[in-house]
């Protein structure tokens, strides 16, 4: 499956999947929760270089998925 982000204004809450992006509402909720967890962590650490933190996290996620 390929990840497809929601498009502002096209998201729907009816049924089991969003009509805008096609993802399940469960997946969308879990993704939002993960993002908010990272936001809260970065804010707690008071990082001045948030972009570098996000890049580091993203690269490490890809590395761990590709090389479990």
C-alpha atoms as a PDB file:
ATOM      1  CA  UNK A   1       0.000   0.000   0.000  1.00  0.00           C
ATOM      2  CA  UNK A   2       1.215   3.492  -0.772  1.00  0.00           C
ATOM      3  CA  UNK A   3       0.843   6.325   1.763  1.00  0.00           C
ATOM      4  CA  UNK A   4      -1.371   9.145   0.583  1.00  0.00           C
ATOM      5  CA  UNK A   5      -1.795  12.197   2.829  1.00  0.00           C
ATOM      6  CA  UNK A   6      -5.131  13.894   3.349  1.00  0.00           C
ATOM      7  CA  UNK A   7      -5.851  16.886   1.169  1.00  0.00           C
ATOM      8  CA  UNK A   8      -7.246  19.817   3.110  1.00  0.00           C
ATOM      9  CA  UNK A   9     -10.915  20.343   2.416  1.00  0.00           C
ATOM     10  CA  UNK A  10     -11.463  16.943   0.777  1.00  0.00           C
ATOM     11  CA  UNK A  11     -11.395  14.824   3.940  1.00  0.00           C
ATOM     12  CA  UNK A  12     -14.552  13.047   4.984  1.00  0.00           C
ATOM     13  CA  UNK A  13     -15.518  11.303   8.212  1.00  0.00           C
ATOM     14  CA  UNK A  14     -18.364   9.167   6.889  1.00  0.00           C
ATOM     15  CA  UNK A  15     -17.936   5.422   6.404  1.00  0.00           C
ATOM     16  CA  UNK A  16     -14.731   3.578   7.204  1.00  0.00           C
ATOM     17  CA  UNK A  17     -12.415   5.457   4.839  1.00  0.00           C
ATOM     18  CA  UNK A  18     -11.810   9.087   3.919  1.00  0.00           C
ATOM     19  CA  UNK A  19     -13.094   9.852   0.433  1.00  0.00           C
ATOM     20  CA  UNK A  20     -10.311  12.424  -0.081  1.00  0.00           C
ATOM     21  CA  UNK A  21      -7.246  10.243   0.557  1.00  0.00           C
ATOM     22  CA  UNK A  22      -8.718   6.741   0.753  1.00  0.00           C
ATOM     23  CA  UNK A  23      -7.067   5.911   4.076  1.00  0.00           C
ATOM     24  CA  UNK A  24      -9.047   4.360   6.910  1.00  0.00           C
ATOM     25  CA  UNK A  25     -10.146   6.684   9.681  1.00  0.00           C
ATOM     26  CA  UNK A  26      -8.243   4.422  12.087  1.00  0.00           C
ATOM     27  CA  UNK A  27      -4.997   4.945  10.129  1.00  0.00           C
ATOM     28  CA  UNK A  28      -5.566   8.701  10.022  1.00  0.00           C
ATOM     29  CA  UNK A  29      -6.176   8.828  13.781  1.00  0.00           C
ATOM     30  CA  UNK A  30      -3.059   6.756  14.543  1.00  0.00           C
ATOM     31  CA  UNK A  31      -0.946   8.933  12.230  1.00  0.00           C
ATOM     32  CA  UNK A  32      -2.207  12.093  13.943  1.00  0.00           C
ATOM     33  CA  UNK A  33      -1.394  10.548  17.322  1.00  0.00           C
ATOM     34  CA  UNK A  34       2.160   9.680  16.216  1.00  0.00           C
ATOM     35  CA  UNK A  35       2.709  13.185  14.843  1.00  0.00           C
ATOM     36  CA  UNK A  36       1.387  14.814  18.010  1.00  0.00           C
ATOM     37  CA  UNK A  37       3.661  12.572  20.099  1.00  0.00           C
ATOM     38  CA  UNK A  38       6.670  13.799  18.118  1.00  0.00           C
ATOM     39  CA  UNK A  39       5.482  17.409  18.346  1.00  0.00           C
ATOM     40  CA  UNK A  40       5.052  17.146  22.105  1.00  0.00           C
ATOM     41  CA  UNK A  41       8.480  15.521  22.501  1.00  0.00           C
ATOM     42  CA  UNK A  42      10.225  18.178  20.384  1.00  0.00           C
ATOM     43  CA  UNK A  43       8.471  20.958  22.309  1.00  0.00           C
ATOM     44  CA  UNK A  44       9.380  19.366  25.652  1.00  0.00           C
ATOM     45  CA  UNK A  45      13.039  19.220  24.565  1.00  0.00           C
ATOM     46  CA  UNK A  46      12.775  22.834  23.331  1.00  0.00           C
ATOM     47  CA  UNK A  47      14.724  22.031  20.155  1.00  0.00           C
ATOM     48  CA  UNK A  48      15.894  25.029  18.156  1.00  0.00           C
ATOM     49  CA  UNK A  49      16.487  22.785  15.125  1.00  0.00           C
ATOM     50  CA  UNK A  50      13.155  21.004  14.739  1.00  0.00           C
ATOM     51  CA  UNK A  51      13.755  20.365  11.041  1.00  0.00           C
ATOM     52  CA  UNK A  52      16.928  18.411  11.869  1.00  0.00           C
ATOM     53  CA  UNK A  53      15.078  16.373  14.525  1.00  0.00           C
ATOM     54  CA  UNK A  54      12.281  15.491  12.084  1.00  0.00           C
ATOM     55  CA  UNK A  55      14.790  14.573   9.376  1.00  0.00           C
ATOM     56  CA  UNK A  56      16.680  12.348  11.839  1.00  0.00           C
ATOM     57  CA  UNK A  57      13.503  10.577  12.909  1.00  0.00           C
ATOM     58  CA  UNK A  58      12.358  10.062   9.319  1.00  0.00           C
ATOM     59  CA  UNK A  59      15.710   8.665   8.187  1.00  0.00           C
ATOM     60  CA  UNK A  60      15.858   6.296  11.155  1.00  0.00           C
ATOM     61  CA  UNK A  61      12.330   5.017  10.561  1.00  0.00           C
ATOM     62  CA  UNK A  62      13.190   4.223   6.928  1.00  0.00           C
ATOM     63  CA  UNK A  63      16.469   2.566   7.955  1.00  0.00           C
ATOM     64  CA  UNK A  64      14.752   0.339  10.549  1.00  0.00           C
ATOM     65  CA  UNK A  65      11.995  -0.688   8.114  1.00  0.00           C
ATOM     66  CA  UNK A  66      14.488  -1.521   5.366  1.00  0.00           C
ATOM     67  CA  UNK A  67      16.932  -3.299   7.736  1.00  0.00           C
ATOM     68  CA  UNK A  68      14.894  -4.828  10.580  1.00  0.00           C
END
